[in-house]
Amino acid sequence: MVDPKRGTRRPVTDYPDFSHLELASQVVAAIPGGGWRAFWKDEGPDNGPLTEQVLAWLITAKGRATPITVDAHGDVDDAASADRLIPPGEE
């Protein structure tokens, strides 16, 4: 990891908030969301339903597609925890 204050590489274990490393798949492509939406039954206001547009799909070297959503504030996150993915044209 690069330390922005020093401008040099530094082992992640040197950071006080480091806890562990996780194996991650290499992202090899990103494709548009294509009108898909992610739905959570209890992540919205007052623990109600929430639906967000899929901005893009990240495709890994192993062929896994992860939906990336954008909320009303412009914040971007993955939707791996969504209860359901809604295809274009479906309510």
C-alpha atoms as a PDB file:
ATOM      1  CA  MET A   1       0.000   0.000   0.000  1.00  0.00           C
ATOM      2  CA  VAL A   2       1.245   3.528  -0.739  1.00  0.00           C
ATOM      3  CA  ASP A   3       1.536   5.900   2.203  1.00  0.00           C
ATOM      4  CA  PRO A   4       0.344   9.286   0.867  1.00  0.00           C
ATOM      5  CA  LYS A   5       2.249  11.223   3.547  1.00  0.00           C
ATOM      6  CA  ARG A   6       5.576   9.531   2.822  1.00  0.00           C
ATOM      7  CA  GLY A   7       5.011   8.914  -0.886  1.00  0.00           C
ATOM      8  CA  THR A   8       6.413   5.414  -0.502  1.00  0.00           C
ATOM      9  CA  ARG A   9       5.120   1.886  -0.284  1.00  0.00           C
ATOM     10  CA  ARG A  10       4.446   0.573   3.198  1.00  0.00           C
ATOM     11  CA  PRO A  11       3.296  -2.868   4.429  1.00  0.00           C
ATOM     12  CA  VAL A  12      -0.416  -2.911   5.304  1.00  0.00           C
ATOM     13  CA  THR A  13       0.481  -4.531   8.634  1.00  0.00           C
ATOM     14  CA  ASP A  14       2.074  -1.188   9.649  1.00  0.00           C
ATOM     15  CA  TYR A  15      -1.356   0.489   9.762  1.00  0.00           C
ATOM     16  CA  PRO A  16      -3.003   0.431  13.230  1.00  0.00           C
ATOM     17  CA  ASP A  17      -6.457  -0.354  11.796  1.00  0.00           C
ATOM     18  CA  PHE A  18      -5.281  -3.334   9.689  1.00  0.00           C
ATOM     19  CA  SER A  19      -7.154  -6.520  10.567  1.00  0.00           C
ATOM     20  CA  HIS A  20      -6.669  -9.068   7.758  1.00  0.00           C
ATOM     21  CA  LEU A  21      -6.302  -9.707   4.046  1.00  0.00           C
ATOM     22  CA  GLU A  22      -9.018 -11.265   1.927  1.00  0.00           C
ATOM     23  CA  LEU A  23      -8.661 -13.155  -1.317  1.00  0.00           C
ATOM     24  CA  ALA A  24     -10.352 -11.193  -4.094  1.00  0.00           C
ATOM     25  CA  SER A  25     -11.087 -12.064  -7.682  1.00  0.00           C
ATOM     26  CA  GLN A  26      -9.479  -9.931 -10.354  1.00  0.00           C
ATOM     27  CA  VAL A  27     -11.938  -7.597 -12.087  1.00  0.00           C
ATOM     28  CA  VAL A  28     -11.398  -7.858 -15.841  1.00  0.00           C
ATOM     29  CA  ALA A  29     -14.347  -5.836 -17.169  1.00  0.00           C
ATOM     30  CA  ALA A  30     -17.117  -3.432 -16.264  1.00  0.00           C
ATOM     31  CA  ILE A  31     -20.311  -3.265 -18.284  1.00  0.00           C
ATOM     32  CA  PRO A  32     -23.277  -0.863 -17.995  1.00  0.00           C
ATOM     33  CA  GLY A  33     -26.109  -1.705 -15.608  1.00  0.00           C
ATOM     34  CA  GLY A  34     -28.540  -2.058 -18.508  1.00  0.00           C
ATOM     35  CA  GLY A  35     -31.661  -1.019 -16.590  1.00  0.00           C
ATOM     36  CA  TRP A  36     -31.327  -3.618 -13.813  1.00  0.00           C
ATOM     37  CA  ARG A  37     -32.238  -2.631 -10.248  1.00  0.00           C
ATOM     38  CA  ALA A  38     -31.267  -4.022  -6.843  1.00  0.00           C
ATOM     39  CA  PHE A  39     -33.958  -4.499  -4.190  1.00  0.00           C
ATOM     40  CA  TRP A  40     -33.634  -4.822  -0.412  1.00  0.00           C
ATOM     41  CA  LYS A  41     -36.751  -5.550   1.628  1.00  0.00           C
ATOM     42  CA  ASP A  42     -35.598  -3.746   4.788  1.00  0.00           C
ATOM     43  CA  GLU A  43     -32.731  -1.338   3.975  1.00  0.00           C
ATOM     44  CA  GLY A  44     -34.807   1.760   3.158  1.00  0.00           C
ATOM     45  CA  PRO A  45     -36.252   4.486   5.399  1.00  0.00           C
ATOM     46  CA  ASP A  46     -37.782   3.123   8.620  1.00  0.00           C
ATOM     47  CA  ASN A  47     -36.433  -0.354   7.695  1.00  0.00           C
ATOM     48  CA  GLY A  48     -38.722  -0.417   4.656  1.00  0.00           C
ATOM     49  CA  PRO A  49     -37.990  -1.477   1.085  1.00  0.00           C
ATOM     50  CA  LEU A  50     -35.201   0.097  -0.976  1.00  0.00           C
ATOM     51  CA  THR A  51     -34.581  -0.086  -4.723  1.00  0.00           C
ATOM     52  CA  GLU A  52     -31.455   1.309  -6.412  1.00  0.00           C
ATOM     53  CA  GLN A  53     -30.348   1.407 -10.051  1.00  0.00           C
ATOM     54  CA  VAL A  54     -27.489  -0.888 -11.055  1.00  0.00           C
ATOM     55  CA  LEU A  55     -24.873   1.502 -12.418  1.00  0.00           C
ATOM     56  CA  ALA A  56     -22.550  -1.237 -13.698  1.00  0.00           C
ATOM     57  CA  TRP A  57     -21.647  -4.913 -13.455  1.00  0.00           C
ATOM     58  CA  LEU A  58     -18.083  -5.806 -12.488  1.00  0.00           C
ATOM     59  CA  ILE A  59     -16.969  -9.024 -14.192  1.00  0.00           C
ATOM     60  CA  THR A  60     -14.203 -11.100 -12.592  1.00  0.00           C
ATOM     61  CA  ALA A  61     -11.690 -13.388 -14.255  1.00  0.00           C
ATOM     62  CA  LYS A  62     -13.763 -16.341 -13.015  1.00  0.00           C
ATOM     63  CA  GLY A  63     -16.942 -14.995 -14.679  1.00  0.00           C
ATOM     64  CA  ARG A  64     -18.702 -13.660 -11.589  1.00  0.00           C
ATOM     65  CA  ALA A  65     -20.835 -10.542 -12.136  1.00  0.00           C
ATOM     66  CA  THR A  66     -21.231  -8.152  -9.196  1.00  0.00           C
ATOM     67  CA  PRO A  67     -23.842  -5.390  -9.443  1.00  0.00           C
ATOM     68  CA  ILE A  68     -22.654  -1.901  -8.496  1.00  0.00           C
ATOM     69  CA  THR A  69     -25.416   0.514  -7.476  1.00  0.00           C
ATOM     70  CA  VAL A  70     -25.745   4.263  -7.087  1.00  0.00           C
ATOM     71  CA  ASP A  71     -28.128   5.841  -4.568  1.00  0.00           C
ATOM     72  CA  ALA A  72     -30.050   9.130  -4.660  1.00  0.00           C
ATOM     73  CA  HIS A  73     -27.032  10.933  -3.142  1.00  0.00           C
ATOM     74  CA  GLY A  74     -24.624   9.611  -5.795  1.00  0.00           C
ATOM     75  CA  ASP A  75     -22.916   7.172  -3.421  1.00  0.00           C
ATOM     76  CA  VAL A  76     -21.694   3.993  -5.135  1.00  0.00           C
ATOM     77  CA  ASP A  77     -21.564   0.536  -3.511  1.00  0.00           C
ATOM     78  CA  ASP A  78     -21.823  -3.113  -4.457  1.00  0.00           C
ATOM     79  CA  ALA A  79     -25.226  -4.759  -4.218  1.00  0.00           C
ATOM     80  CA  ALA A  80     -24.013  -8.248  -3.302  1.00  0.00           C
ATOM     81  CA  SER A  81     -26.321  -8.214  -0.271  1.00  0.00           C
ATOM     82  CA  ALA A  82     -29.471  -7.351  -2.268  1.00  0.00           C
ATOM     83  CA  ASP A  83     -32.485  -9.556  -1.636  1.00  0.00           C
ATOM     84  CA  ARG A  84     -33.350  -9.526  -5.321  1.00  0.00           C
ATOM     85  CA  LEU A  85     -32.096  -8.205  -8.646  1.00  0.00           C
ATOM     86  CA  ILE A  86     -34.878  -6.863 -10.854  1.00  0.00           C
ATOM     87  CA  PRO A  87     -34.449  -7.158 -14.642  1.00  0.00           C
ATOM     88  CA  PRO A  88     -35.288  -4.250 -16.960  1.00  0.00           C
ATOM     89  CA  GLY A  89     -39.017  -3.820 -17.536  1.00  0.00           C
ATOM     90  CA  GLU A  90     -40.082  -5.874 -14.507  1.00  0.00           C
ATOM     91  CA  GLU A  91     -41.757  -4.250 -11.516  1.00  0.00           C
END
